[in-house]
Amino acid sequence: MKNVASNEPNAQHELIAFRIGGQEFCLDIMSVRDIRGWTPATPLPHAPSYVRGVINLRGAVLPVVDLSARLGFPAAEPTARHVIIVARVEGKSLGLLVDGVSDILTVTEEAIQPTPEVASDMARLFIRGVIAIDGRMISLITLQSVLETSMAEAA
């Protein structure tokens, strides 16, 4: 599979779609290492408000980011239905708290539309593009931006 940053129009991308509130987002499935049920996190002092804390993942300490709060939406109130997507990018692991995983998508580069110009700079930082599929609008997350900023602020 090609990298999601590929510019080849026929390049196939496998994406995992998930829900935050009433919206759907997706990210490159190659970044996903695990999907776990919600586990309460141990808070970290002076962490940004969107960092839920840390959990023990098979003996490793994993920071958990509330992706809803990170993207500027109201913070999640986790229930047993919420999940943590364990993602790994550039050698770093991070848990992403989301409402639930909804789908696995295979799309071409042509199906990924650019982020609308009316979106804020912050939105364009996190959202690489929008995919219209089966009557749904799914925003493609630039996971590197979420991770880099989160890891820098959590450190």
N, C-alpha and C. Protein backbone atom coordinates (compact mmCIF):
# COMPACT_ATOMS: atom_id res chain seq x y z
N MET A 1 0.84 -1.19 0.00
CA MET A 1 0.00 0.00 0.00
C MET A 1 0.87 1.24 0.00
N LYS A 2 0.43 2.23 -0.69
CA LYS A 2 1.16 3.49 -0.77
C LYS A 2 0.88 4.35 0.46
N ASN A 3 1.77 5.26 0.72
CA ASN A 3 1.60 6.23 1.81
C ASN A 3 0.42 7.14 1.49
N VAL A 4 -0.32 7.59 2.49
CA VAL A 4 -1.47 8.47 2.27
C VAL A 4 -1.03 9.78 1.65
N ALA A 5 0.22 10.15 1.75
CA ALA A 5 0.71 11.41 1.18
C ALA A 5 1.02 11.28 -0.32
N SER A 6 0.77 10.10 -0.88
CA SER A 6 1.06 9.87 -2.30
C SER A 6 0.27 10.81 -3.19
N ASN A 7 0.87 11.21 -4.31
CA ASN A 7 0.18 12.08 -5.25
C ASN A 7 -0.31 11.32 -6.48
N GLU A 8 -0.14 10.00 -6.51
CA GLU A 8 -0.62 9.21 -7.63
C GLU A 8 -2.14 9.13 -7.56
N PRO A 9 -2.85 9.55 -8.65
CA PRO A 9 -4.31 9.60 -8.59
C PRO A 9 -4.97 8.25 -8.35
N ASN A 10 -4.36 7.15 -8.80
CA ASN A 10 -4.97 5.83 -8.63
C ASN A 10 -4.44 5.08 -7.42
N ALA A 11 -3.60 5.72 -6.62
CA ALA A 11 -3.06 5.06 -5.43
C ALA A 11 -4.21 4.69 -4.50
N GLN A 12 -4.21 3.45 -4.03
CA GLN A 12 -5.24 2.97 -3.10
C GLN A 12 -4.79 3.23 -1.66
N HIS A 13 -5.71 3.74 -0.86
CA HIS A 13 -5.43 4.00 0.54
C HIS A 13 -6.44 3.24 1.38
N GLU A 14 -5.96 2.54 2.40
CA GLU A 14 -6.85 1.90 3.36
C GLU A 14 -6.91 2.80 4.58
N LEU A 15 -8.13 3.17 4.95
CA LEU A 15 -8.34 4.10 6.04
C LEU A 15 -9.29 3.49 7.05
N ILE A 16 -9.10 3.82 8.32
CA ILE A 16 -10.03 3.40 9.35
C ILE A 16 -10.88 4.61 9.73
N ALA A 17 -12.20 4.44 9.63
CA ALA A 17 -13.12 5.54 9.93
C ALA A 17 -13.63 5.40 11.36
N PHE A 18 -13.82 6.55 12.01
CA PHE A 18 -14.31 6.55 13.39
C PHE A 18 -15.19 7.77 13.60
N ARG A 19 -15.96 7.74 14.67
CA ARG A 19 -16.89 8.81 14.99
C ARG A 19 -16.41 9.65 16.16
N ILE A 20 -16.65 10.95 16.05
CA ILE A 20 -16.48 11.89 17.17
C ILE A 20 -17.72 12.76 17.12
N GLY A 21 -18.56 12.62 18.13
CA GLY A 21 -19.84 13.33 18.09
C GLY A 21 -20.63 12.83 16.90
N GLY A 22 -21.20 13.74 16.14
CA GLY A 22 -21.96 13.35 14.97
C GLY A 22 -21.16 13.33 13.69
N GLN A 23 -19.84 13.46 13.79
CA GLN A 23 -19.00 13.53 12.59
C GLN A 23 -18.13 12.30 12.45
N GLU A 24 -17.73 12.05 11.20
CA GLU A 24 -16.82 10.94 10.94
C GLU A 24 -15.47 11.46 10.48
N PHE A 25 -14.45 10.78 10.94
CA PHE A 25 -13.08 11.09 10.58
C PHE A 25 -12.42 9.77 10.19
N CYS A 26 -11.24 9.86 9.58
CA CYS A 26 -10.50 8.64 9.27
C CYS A 26 -9.01 8.93 9.32
N LEU A 27 -8.25 7.85 9.41
CA LEU A 27 -6.79 7.96 9.35
C LEU A 27 -6.24 6.72 8.68
N ASP A 28 -4.99 6.80 8.27
CA ASP A 28 -4.31 5.72 7.57
C ASP A 28 -4.27 4.49 8.47
N ILE A 29 -4.78 3.38 7.97
CA ILE A 29 -4.85 2.16 8.77
C ILE A 29 -3.45 1.63 9.12
N MET A 30 -2.45 1.99 8.32
CA MET A 30 -1.09 1.52 8.60
C MET A 30 -0.52 2.15 9.87
N SER A 31 -1.11 3.23 10.35
CA SER A 31 -0.67 3.86 11.59
C SER A 31 -1.30 3.21 12.82
N VAL A 32 -2.36 2.42 12.61
CA VAL A 32 -3.10 1.84 13.73
C VAL A 32 -2.45 0.54 14.17
N ARG A 33 -2.17 0.45 15.47
CA ARG A 33 -1.57 -0.75 16.04
C ARG A 33 -2.56 -1.59 16.82
N ASP A 34 -3.61 -0.95 17.34
CA ASP A 34 -4.56 -1.67 18.20
C ASP A 34 -5.80 -0.81 18.37
N ILE A 35 -6.91 -1.43 18.66
CA ILE A 35 -8.13 -0.73 19.04
C ILE A 35 -8.59 -1.38 20.33
N ARG A 36 -8.70 -0.58 21.38
CA ARG A 36 -9.01 -1.09 22.71
C ARG A 36 -10.26 -0.41 23.25
N GLY A 37 -10.94 -1.10 24.14
CA GLY A 37 -12.06 -0.49 24.83
C GLY A 37 -11.55 0.62 25.74
N TRP A 38 -12.45 1.51 26.13
CA TRP A 38 -12.07 2.62 27.01
C TRP A 38 -11.55 2.10 28.33
N THR A 39 -10.41 2.62 28.73
CA THR A 39 -9.80 2.35 30.02
C THR A 39 -9.54 3.71 30.66
N PRO A 40 -10.01 3.94 31.88
CA PRO A 40 -9.73 5.24 32.51
C PRO A 40 -8.22 5.50 32.56
N ALA A 41 -7.84 6.71 32.25
CA ALA A 41 -6.43 7.10 32.21
C ALA A 41 -6.04 7.78 33.52
N THR A 42 -4.80 7.63 33.89
CA THR A 42 -4.24 8.32 35.05
C THR A 42 -3.83 9.72 34.60
N PRO A 43 -4.44 10.76 35.18
CA PRO A 43 -4.12 12.12 34.75
C PRO A 43 -2.66 12.49 34.98
N LEU A 44 -2.15 13.36 34.12
CA LEU A 44 -0.79 13.89 34.27
C LEU A 44 -0.89 15.35 34.72
N PRO A 45 -0.11 15.75 35.72
CA PRO A 45 -0.16 17.15 36.15
C PRO A 45 0.32 18.09 35.04
N HIS A 46 -0.34 19.21 34.90
CA HIS A 46 0.00 20.28 33.95
C HIS A 46 -0.07 19.85 32.50
N ALA A 47 -0.80 18.76 32.21
CA ALA A 47 -0.97 18.32 30.82
C ALA A 47 -2.03 19.20 30.15
N PRO A 48 -1.95 19.37 28.83
CA PRO A 48 -3.01 20.12 28.13
C PRO A 48 -4.37 19.48 28.40
N SER A 49 -5.43 20.26 28.30
CA SER A 49 -6.77 19.78 28.64
C SER A 49 -7.21 18.60 27.80
N TYR A 50 -6.71 18.46 26.58
CA TYR A 50 -7.12 17.35 25.72
C TYR A 50 -6.33 16.07 25.99
N VAL A 51 -5.30 16.11 26.83
CA VAL A 51 -4.56 14.90 27.19
C VAL A 51 -5.26 14.29 28.40
N ARG A 52 -5.87 13.12 28.20
CA ARG A 52 -6.61 12.44 29.26
C ARG A 52 -5.70 11.92 30.35
N GLY A 53 -4.48 11.58 29.97
CA GLY A 53 -3.53 11.00 30.92
C GLY A 53 -2.81 9.85 30.25
N VAL A 54 -2.44 8.86 31.05
CA VAL A 54 -1.71 7.71 30.53
C VAL A 54 -2.39 6.42 30.97
N ILE A 55 -2.21 5.37 30.14
CA ILE A 55 -2.69 4.04 30.50
C ILE A 55 -1.53 3.07 30.35
N ASN A 56 -1.67 1.90 30.94
CA ASN A 56 -0.68 0.84 30.83
C ASN A 56 -1.09 -0.04 29.66
N LEU A 57 -0.26 -0.08 28.65
CA LEU A 57 -0.51 -0.92 27.48
C LEU A 57 0.57 -1.98 27.40
N ARG A 58 0.25 -3.17 27.89
CA ARG A 58 1.20 -4.29 27.90
C ARG A 58 2.55 -3.89 28.49
N GLY A 59 2.51 -3.17 29.60
CA GLY A 59 3.72 -2.79 30.31
C GLY A 59 4.33 -1.47 29.86
N ALA A 60 3.80 -0.87 28.82
CA ALA A 60 4.30 0.43 28.34
C ALA A 60 3.32 1.53 28.73
N VAL A 61 3.85 2.70 29.02
CA VAL A 61 3.03 3.85 29.35
C VAL A 61 2.59 4.52 28.04
N LEU A 62 1.27 4.64 27.86
CA LEU A 62 0.73 5.19 26.62
C LEU A 62 -0.08 6.45 26.92
N PRO A 63 0.34 7.62 26.39
CA PRO A 63 -0.46 8.82 26.58
C PRO A 63 -1.76 8.71 25.76
N VAL A 64 -2.86 9.21 26.34
CA VAL A 64 -4.16 9.15 25.67
C VAL A 64 -4.65 10.58 25.43
N VAL A 65 -4.96 10.87 24.16
CA VAL A 65 -5.46 12.18 23.76
C VAL A 65 -6.95 12.05 23.45
N ASP A 66 -7.75 12.94 24.03
CA ASP A 66 -9.17 13.03 23.69
C ASP A 66 -9.23 13.74 22.34
N LEU A 67 -9.43 12.97 21.27
CA LEU A 67 -9.37 13.55 19.93
C LEU A 67 -10.48 14.57 19.71
N SER A 68 -11.61 14.41 20.38
CA SER A 68 -12.69 15.39 20.27
C SER A 68 -12.21 16.75 20.78
N ALA A 69 -11.63 16.78 21.97
CA ALA A 69 -11.12 18.03 22.54
C ALA A 69 -9.95 18.56 21.71
N ARG A 70 -9.11 17.67 21.19
CA ARG A 70 -7.94 18.07 20.41
C ARG A 70 -8.34 18.80 19.14
N LEU A 71 -9.48 18.37 18.56
CA LEU A 71 -9.94 18.97 17.31
C LEU A 71 -10.85 20.17 17.54
N GLY A 72 -11.01 20.57 18.81
CA GLY A 72 -11.77 21.78 19.11
C GLY A 72 -13.24 21.55 19.42
N PHE A 73 -13.65 20.30 19.54
CA PHE A 73 -15.02 19.97 19.91
C PHE A 73 -15.10 19.83 21.43
N PRO A 74 -16.31 19.72 22.00
CA PRO A 74 -16.41 19.49 23.45
C PRO A 74 -15.70 18.18 23.83
N ALA A 75 -15.09 18.16 25.00
CA ALA A 75 -14.39 16.96 25.47
C ALA A 75 -15.37 15.80 25.59
N ALA A 76 -14.88 14.60 25.32
CA ALA A 76 -15.71 13.40 25.41
C ALA A 76 -16.00 13.06 26.86
N GLU A 77 -17.15 12.47 27.09
CA GLU A 77 -17.48 11.89 28.39
C GLU A 77 -17.46 10.38 28.16
N PRO A 78 -16.31 9.74 28.37
CA PRO A 78 -16.15 8.33 27.97
C PRO A 78 -17.14 7.39 28.66
N THR A 79 -17.63 6.46 27.85
CA THR A 79 -18.50 5.38 28.33
C THR A 79 -17.87 4.06 27.88
N ALA A 80 -18.53 2.97 28.20
CA ALA A 80 -18.03 1.65 27.78
C ALA A 80 -18.01 1.51 26.26
N ARG A 81 -18.75 2.35 25.55
CA ARG A 81 -18.79 2.28 24.08
C ARG A 81 -17.62 3.00 23.42
N HIS A 82 -16.94 3.88 24.13
CA HIS A 82 -15.80 4.59 23.56
C HIS A 82 -14.62 3.63 23.37
N VAL A 83 -13.76 3.96 22.44
CA VAL A 83 -12.57 3.14 22.20
C VAL A 83 -11.33 4.02 22.14
N ILE A 84 -10.20 3.38 22.34
CA ILE A 84 -8.90 4.03 22.20
C ILE A 84 -8.22 3.40 21.00
N ILE A 85 -7.95 4.23 19.99
CA ILE A 85 -7.19 3.77 18.83
C ILE A 85 -5.72 4.00 19.17
N VAL A 86 -4.95 2.92 19.22
CA VAL A 86 -3.52 3.03 19.49
C VAL A 86 -2.83 3.21 18.15
N ALA A 87 -2.21 4.37 17.98
CA ALA A 87 -1.55 4.70 16.71
C ALA A 87 -0.06 4.89 16.93
N ARG A 88 0.70 4.61 15.89
CA ARG A 88 2.15 4.79 15.95
C ARG A 88 2.59 5.54 14.71
N VAL A 89 3.27 6.67 14.94
CA VAL A 89 3.78 7.49 13.85
C VAL A 89 5.16 7.99 14.25
N GLU A 90 6.08 7.87 13.32
CA GLU A 90 7.45 8.35 13.55
C GLU A 90 8.03 7.81 14.86
N GLY A 91 7.78 6.54 15.12
CA GLY A 91 8.36 5.87 16.29
C GLY A 91 7.70 6.19 17.62
N LYS A 92 6.61 6.95 17.61
CA LYS A 92 5.93 7.30 18.85
C LYS A 92 4.53 6.70 18.86
N SER A 93 4.11 6.22 20.02
CA SER A 93 2.77 5.66 20.16
C SER A 93 1.90 6.61 20.98
N LEU A 94 0.62 6.60 20.65
CA LEU A 94 -0.33 7.49 21.30
C LEU A 94 -1.70 6.85 21.22
N GLY A 95 -2.51 7.00 22.27
CA GLY A 95 -3.89 6.53 22.24
C GLY A 95 -4.80 7.68 21.88
N LEU A 96 -5.74 7.43 20.98
CA LEU A 96 -6.70 8.44 20.56
C LEU A 96 -8.08 8.01 21.03
N LEU A 97 -8.67 8.77 21.94
CA LEU A 97 -10.01 8.47 22.44
C LEU A 97 -11.04 8.95 21.43
N VAL A 98 -11.87 8.01 20.92
CA VAL A 98 -12.92 8.34 19.96
C VAL A 98 -14.22 7.66 20.40
N ASP A 99 -15.34 8.10 19.81
CA ASP A 99 -16.64 7.53 20.18
C ASP A 99 -16.77 6.08 19.75
N GLY A 100 -16.18 5.73 18.63
CA GLY A 100 -16.24 4.36 18.14
C GLY A 100 -15.71 4.28 16.73
N VAL A 101 -15.25 3.09 16.35
CA VAL A 101 -14.77 2.84 15.00
C VAL A 101 -15.97 2.43 14.16
N SER A 102 -16.09 2.99 12.95
CA SER A 102 -17.28 2.73 12.15
C SER A 102 -17.03 1.91 10.89
N ASP A 103 -15.82 1.96 10.33
CA ASP A 103 -15.64 1.36 9.01
C ASP A 103 -14.16 1.27 8.65
N ILE A 104 -13.87 0.42 7.67
CA ILE A 104 -12.56 0.41 7.02
C ILE A 104 -12.84 0.74 5.56
N LEU A 105 -12.17 1.77 5.05
CA LEU A 105 -12.42 2.27 3.70
C LEU A 105 -11.21 2.05 2.82
N THR A 106 -11.45 1.79 1.55
CA THR A 106 -10.39 1.77 0.54
C THR A 106 -10.77 2.84 -0.47
N VAL A 107 -9.92 3.86 -0.60
CA VAL A 107 -10.21 4.96 -1.51
C VAL A 107 -8.98 5.26 -2.36
N THR A 108 -9.20 5.93 -3.48
CA THR A 108 -8.09 6.38 -4.31
C THR A 108 -7.72 7.81 -3.91
N GLU A 109 -6.56 8.24 -4.33
CA GLU A 109 -6.11 9.61 -4.06
C GLU A 109 -7.11 10.62 -4.64
N GLU A 110 -7.71 10.30 -5.80
CA GLU A 110 -8.68 11.19 -6.43
C GLU A 110 -9.91 11.41 -5.56
N ALA A 111 -10.26 10.45 -4.70
CA ALA A 111 -11.45 10.55 -3.85
C ALA A 111 -11.24 11.52 -2.69
N ILE A 112 -9.98 11.87 -2.41
CA ILE A 112 -9.68 12.76 -1.29
C ILE A 112 -9.68 14.20 -1.80
N GLN A 113 -10.71 14.95 -1.42
CA GLN A 113 -10.85 16.34 -1.83
C GLN A 113 -10.06 17.23 -0.86
N PRO A 114 -9.50 18.35 -1.33
CA PRO A 114 -8.76 19.23 -0.43
C PRO A 114 -9.67 19.81 0.66
N THR A 115 -9.06 20.12 1.79
CA THR A 115 -9.79 20.77 2.88
C THR A 115 -10.31 22.11 2.36
N PRO A 116 -11.60 22.41 2.58
CA PRO A 116 -12.15 23.67 2.07
C PRO A 116 -11.37 24.89 2.56
N GLU A 117 -11.26 25.89 1.69
CA GLU A 117 -10.53 27.12 2.02
C GLU A 117 -11.15 27.87 3.20
N VAL A 118 -12.45 27.69 3.42
CA VAL A 118 -13.13 28.40 4.51
C VAL A 118 -12.75 27.83 5.88
N ALA A 119 -12.11 26.68 5.89
CA ALA A 119 -11.70 26.07 7.16
C ALA A 119 -10.60 26.91 7.80
N SER A 120 -10.56 26.90 9.12
CA SER A 120 -9.53 27.65 9.83
C SER A 120 -8.15 27.04 9.59
N ASP A 121 -7.11 27.80 9.91
CA ASP A 121 -5.75 27.28 9.79
C ASP A 121 -5.56 26.06 10.67
N MET A 122 -6.18 26.07 11.86
CA MET A 122 -6.07 24.94 12.78
C MET A 122 -6.71 23.70 12.16
N ALA A 123 -7.88 23.87 11.53
CA ALA A 123 -8.55 22.74 10.88
C ALA A 123 -7.68 22.19 9.76
N ARG A 124 -7.08 23.07 8.97
CA ARG A 124 -6.23 22.60 7.86
C ARG A 124 -4.95 21.95 8.38
N LEU A 125 -4.53 22.30 9.58
CA LEU A 125 -3.36 21.66 10.17
C LEU A 125 -3.64 20.19 10.46
N PHE A 126 -4.85 19.89 10.94
CA PHE A 126 -5.20 18.52 11.33
C PHE A 126 -5.92 17.72 10.26
N ILE A 127 -6.58 18.39 9.33
CA ILE A 127 -7.39 17.71 8.32
C ILE A 127 -6.71 17.83 6.95
N ARG A 128 -6.32 16.69 6.38
CA ARG A 128 -5.64 16.68 5.09
C ARG A 128 -6.62 16.83 3.94
N GLY A 129 -7.84 16.32 4.11
CA GLY A 129 -8.82 16.38 3.05
C GLY A 129 -10.14 15.80 3.51
N VAL A 130 -11.10 15.81 2.60
CA VAL A 130 -12.43 15.31 2.90
C VAL A 130 -12.80 14.28 1.84
N ILE A 131 -13.41 13.19 2.28
CA ILE A 131 -13.82 12.13 1.38
C ILE A 131 -15.35 12.05 1.41
N ALA A 132 -15.96 12.15 0.23
CA ALA A 132 -17.41 11.99 0.10
C ALA A 132 -17.64 10.56 -0.40
N ILE A 133 -18.25 9.74 0.45
CA ILE A 133 -18.46 8.34 0.08
C ILE A 133 -19.78 7.85 0.67
N ASP A 134 -20.59 7.21 -0.14
CA ASP A 134 -21.87 6.66 0.29
C ASP A 134 -22.73 7.68 1.04
N GLY A 135 -22.75 8.92 0.56
CA GLY A 135 -23.56 9.95 1.20
C GLY A 135 -22.99 10.48 2.50
N ARG A 136 -21.76 10.11 2.82
CA ARG A 136 -21.10 10.55 4.05
C ARG A 136 -19.95 11.48 3.70
N MET A 137 -19.66 12.40 4.61
CA MET A 137 -18.49 13.27 4.47
C MET A 137 -17.54 12.88 5.60
N ILE A 138 -16.35 12.39 5.23
CA ILE A 138 -15.40 11.90 6.21
C ILE A 138 -14.12 12.70 6.08
N SER A 139 -13.68 13.32 7.18
CA SER A 139 -12.46 14.12 7.18
C SER A 139 -11.25 13.23 7.45
N LEU A 140 -10.22 13.38 6.61
CA LEU A 140 -8.99 12.60 6.75
C LEU A 140 -8.04 13.34 7.67
N ILE A 141 -7.73 12.72 8.81
CA ILE A 141 -6.86 13.32 9.83
C ILE A 141 -5.40 13.21 9.40
N THR A 142 -4.65 14.29 9.58
CA THR A 142 -3.20 14.25 9.42
C THR A 142 -2.63 13.88 10.79
N LEU A 143 -2.44 12.60 10.99
CA LEU A 143 -2.06 12.10 12.30
C LEU A 143 -0.73 12.67 12.79
N GLN A 144 0.20 12.91 11.88
CA GLN A 144 1.49 13.46 12.27
C GLN A 144 1.32 14.79 13.00
N SER A 145 0.43 15.65 12.52
CA SER A 145 0.21 16.95 13.16
C SER A 145 -0.37 16.78 14.56
N VAL A 146 -1.32 15.88 14.71
CA VAL A 146 -1.92 15.64 16.03
C VAL A 146 -0.87 15.10 16.98
N LEU A 147 -0.07 14.14 16.51
CA LEU A 147 0.94 13.53 17.36
C LEU A 147 2.05 14.48 17.72
N GLU A 148 2.60 15.19 16.73
CA GLU A 148 3.74 16.06 16.99
C GLU A 148 3.38 17.12 18.01
N THR A 149 2.26 17.78 17.82
CA THR A 149 1.85 18.83 18.73
C THR A 149 1.52 18.25 20.10
N SER A 150 0.81 17.13 20.13
CA SER A 150 0.40 16.52 21.39
C SER A 150 1.62 16.05 22.19
N MET A 151 2.55 15.37 21.51
CA MET A 151 3.72 14.83 22.22
C MET A 151 4.59 15.99 22.74
N ALA A 152 4.71 17.04 21.98
CA ALA A 152 5.52 18.19 22.43
C ALA A 152 4.89 18.83 23.64
N GLU A 153 3.55 18.96 23.64
CA GLU A 153 2.88 19.62 24.75
C GLU A 153 2.76 18.70 25.96
N ALA A 154 2.74 17.38 25.75
CA ALA A 154 2.61 16.44 26.87
C ALA A 154 3.95 16.23 27.56
N ALA A 155 5.03 16.54 26.86
CA ALA A 155 6.37 16.28 27.43
C ALA A 155 6.72 17.31 28.50
